[in-house]
Structures are given as structure tokens and as C-alpha cells.
Amino acid sequence: MYRSVEELPLVLRVEDLMQVLDVGRNTAYELLRSGKIFSIRVGKQIRIPKESVEEYLKQ
């Protein structure tokens, strides 16, 4: 479990995002789908840059 933003990896998976924000899978995917948190696709996988999570948390 991550204790601070500094401990986050450079790129997160959806499962990491769920843990960081303490939200469920549906909420995590909705944040990504709505564009509130920027993500990229690598093949079929979704990756979330650490900076995107930091920006979301600053709002």
C-alpha cells in the first residue's frame, strides 16, 4: 500500500489507482472514461501517469 504520492510508481495500473483513491473499479474506470484523470492505452492495457493522479488530487 502506498503511503504518499512520492511512493507511487511513474505509471500506475487501474488497480493502483483504485488503491490510491480508495475507490471501486467502476469509479476508477469512470474517472478515466470521463477524462478527469488522463490515461493512455498500451495495447489492451490502461496506464495512468503519476502526474495525472497528482493533478486530480490537487483539484
N, C-alpha and C. Protein backbone atom coordinates (compact mmCIF):
# COMPACT_ATOMS: atom_id res chain seq x y z
N MET A 1 0.84 -1.18 0.00
CA MET A 1 0.00 0.00 0.00
C MET A 1 0.88 1.24 0.00
N TYR A 2 0.46 2.21 -0.77
CA TYR A 2 1.22 3.46 -0.88
C TYR A 2 0.84 4.40 0.27
N ARG A 3 1.86 5.02 0.87
CA ARG A 3 1.60 5.92 2.00
C ARG A 3 1.71 7.39 1.60
N SER A 4 2.28 7.65 0.44
CA SER A 4 2.40 9.03 -0.03
C SER A 4 2.48 9.04 -1.55
N VAL A 5 2.25 10.21 -2.11
CA VAL A 5 2.30 10.36 -3.57
C VAL A 5 3.72 10.09 -4.08
N GLU A 6 4.71 10.41 -3.29
CA GLU A 6 6.11 10.19 -3.69
C GLU A 6 6.42 8.71 -3.90
N GLU A 7 5.69 7.83 -3.21
CA GLU A 7 5.93 6.39 -3.32
C GLU A 7 5.31 5.78 -4.58
N LEU A 8 4.44 6.52 -5.24
CA LEU A 8 3.77 5.98 -6.42
C LEU A 8 4.76 5.73 -7.54
N PRO A 9 4.53 4.67 -8.31
CA PRO A 9 5.38 4.44 -9.48
C PRO A 9 5.11 5.51 -10.54
N LEU A 10 6.00 5.63 -11.50
CA LEU A 10 5.87 6.62 -12.57
C LEU A 10 4.58 6.42 -13.35
N VAL A 11 4.18 5.17 -13.56
CA VAL A 11 2.97 4.83 -14.29
C VAL A 11 2.17 3.83 -13.46
N LEU A 12 0.88 4.09 -13.30
CA LEU A 12 0.03 3.24 -12.48
C LEU A 12 -0.90 2.40 -13.34
N ARG A 13 -1.34 1.29 -12.76
CA ARG A 13 -2.38 0.47 -13.36
C ARG A 13 -3.72 0.89 -12.74
N VAL A 14 -4.82 0.43 -13.28
CA VAL A 14 -6.13 0.76 -12.73
C VAL A 14 -6.23 0.26 -11.29
N GLU A 15 -5.67 -0.90 -11.00
CA GLU A 15 -5.70 -1.45 -9.65
C GLU A 15 -4.96 -0.53 -8.67
N ASP A 16 -3.86 0.07 -9.13
CA ASP A 16 -3.12 1.01 -8.30
C ASP A 16 -3.96 2.25 -8.02
N LEU A 17 -4.64 2.74 -9.05
CA LEU A 17 -5.49 3.92 -8.91
C LEU A 17 -6.60 3.66 -7.90
N MET A 18 -7.19 2.48 -7.97
CA MET A 18 -8.24 2.11 -7.03
C MET A 18 -7.72 2.17 -5.59
N GLN A 19 -6.53 1.68 -5.39
CA GLN A 19 -5.92 1.66 -4.06
C GLN A 19 -5.59 3.07 -3.58
N VAL A 20 -5.01 3.87 -4.45
CA VAL A 20 -4.60 5.23 -4.09
C VAL A 20 -5.81 6.08 -3.72
N LEU A 21 -6.88 6.00 -4.52
CA LEU A 21 -8.05 6.84 -4.28
C LEU A 21 -9.08 6.18 -3.37
N ASP A 22 -8.86 4.91 -3.04
CA ASP A 22 -9.79 4.14 -2.21
C ASP A 22 -11.18 4.15 -2.84
N VAL A 23 -11.22 3.80 -4.13
CA VAL A 23 -12.47 3.72 -4.87
C VAL A 23 -12.58 2.35 -5.52
N GLY A 24 -13.78 2.02 -5.95
CA GLY A 24 -14.02 0.75 -6.62
C GLY A 24 -13.61 0.80 -8.08
N ARG A 25 -13.68 -0.35 -8.71
CA ARG A 25 -13.29 -0.49 -10.11
C ARG A 25 -14.16 0.40 -11.03
N ASN A 26 -15.47 0.39 -10.81
CA ASN A 26 -16.36 1.19 -11.67
C ASN A 26 -16.04 2.67 -11.57
N THR A 27 -15.80 3.16 -10.36
CA THR A 27 -15.47 4.57 -10.17
C THR A 27 -14.15 4.92 -10.83
N ALA A 28 -13.17 4.05 -10.69
CA ALA A 28 -11.86 4.28 -11.30
C ALA A 28 -12.00 4.38 -12.82
N TYR A 29 -12.72 3.45 -13.43
CA TYR A 29 -12.90 3.48 -14.88
C TYR A 29 -13.70 4.71 -15.31
N GLU A 30 -14.67 5.14 -14.51
CA GLU A 30 -15.45 6.33 -14.85
C GLU A 30 -14.58 7.57 -14.82
N LEU A 31 -13.67 7.68 -13.85
CA LEU A 31 -12.73 8.81 -13.80
C LEU A 31 -11.87 8.85 -15.06
N LEU A 32 -11.46 7.70 -15.53
CA LEU A 32 -10.64 7.62 -16.74
C LEU A 32 -11.46 7.91 -17.98
N ARG A 33 -12.63 7.31 -18.05
CA ARG A 33 -13.51 7.47 -19.22
C ARG A 33 -13.95 8.92 -19.38
N SER A 34 -14.21 9.60 -18.26
CA SER A 34 -14.69 10.99 -18.31
C SER A 34 -13.56 11.98 -18.60
N GLY A 35 -12.32 11.52 -18.51
CA GLY A 35 -11.19 12.41 -18.75
C GLY A 35 -10.74 13.19 -17.53
N LYS A 36 -11.36 12.93 -16.38
CA LYS A 36 -10.94 13.62 -15.15
C LYS A 36 -9.52 13.23 -14.77
N ILE A 37 -9.16 12.00 -15.09
CA ILE A 37 -7.79 11.53 -14.92
C ILE A 37 -7.32 11.04 -16.29
N PHE A 38 -6.23 11.59 -16.78
CA PHE A 38 -5.68 11.23 -18.09
C PHE A 38 -5.07 9.83 -18.03
N SER A 39 -5.30 9.06 -19.07
CA SER A 39 -4.70 7.73 -19.16
C SER A 39 -4.30 7.46 -20.60
N ILE A 40 -3.46 6.45 -20.78
CA ILE A 40 -3.05 6.03 -22.12
C ILE A 40 -3.27 4.53 -22.24
N ARG A 41 -3.43 4.08 -23.45
CA ARG A 41 -3.56 2.65 -23.72
C ARG A 41 -2.24 2.12 -24.27
N VAL A 42 -1.84 1.01 -23.73
CA VAL A 42 -0.67 0.29 -24.23
C VAL A 42 -1.20 -1.09 -24.60
N GLY A 43 -1.50 -1.25 -25.88
CA GLY A 43 -2.20 -2.46 -26.30
C GLY A 43 -3.59 -2.44 -25.70
N LYS A 44 -3.94 -3.48 -24.95
CA LYS A 44 -5.24 -3.54 -24.29
C LYS A 44 -5.18 -3.02 -22.86
N GLN A 45 -4.00 -2.68 -22.40
CA GLN A 45 -3.83 -2.25 -21.02
C GLN A 45 -3.95 -0.73 -20.89
N ILE A 46 -4.49 -0.30 -19.76
CA ILE A 46 -4.61 1.13 -19.46
C ILE A 46 -3.52 1.49 -18.46
N ARG A 47 -2.82 2.58 -18.75
CA ARG A 47 -1.78 3.06 -17.84
C ARG A 47 -2.06 4.53 -17.53
N ILE A 48 -1.81 4.89 -16.27
CA ILE A 48 -2.11 6.24 -15.79
C ILE A 48 -0.82 6.89 -15.31
N PRO A 49 -0.40 7.98 -15.95
CA PRO A 49 0.80 8.67 -15.49
C PRO A 49 0.62 9.21 -14.07
N LYS A 50 1.64 9.12 -13.27
CA LYS A 50 1.62 9.61 -11.90
C LYS A 50 1.18 11.07 -11.85
N GLU A 51 1.65 11.87 -12.81
CA GLU A 51 1.31 13.30 -12.84
C GLU A 51 -0.20 13.51 -12.96
N SER A 52 -0.88 12.63 -13.69
CA SER A 52 -2.33 12.75 -13.85
C SER A 52 -3.05 12.57 -12.51
N VAL A 53 -2.57 11.64 -11.72
CA VAL A 53 -3.16 11.40 -10.41
C VAL A 53 -2.88 12.59 -9.49
N GLU A 54 -1.66 13.11 -9.54
CA GLU A 54 -1.30 14.28 -8.72
C GLU A 54 -2.18 15.48 -9.07
N GLU A 55 -2.38 15.72 -10.37
CA GLU A 55 -3.22 16.84 -10.81
C GLU A 55 -4.66 16.67 -10.32
N TYR A 56 -5.18 15.46 -10.41
CA TYR A 56 -6.55 15.18 -9.95
C TYR A 56 -6.67 15.46 -8.45
N LEU A 57 -5.68 15.04 -7.68
CA LEU A 57 -5.73 15.22 -6.23
C LEU A 57 -5.59 16.69 -5.82
N LYS A 58 -4.97 17.50 -6.67
CA LYS A 58 -4.82 18.93 -6.37
C LYS A 58 -6.12 19.71 -6.57
N GLN A 59 -7.04 19.16 -7.34
CA GLN A 59 -8.31 19.85 -7.65
C GLN A 59 -9.19 19.95 -6.42
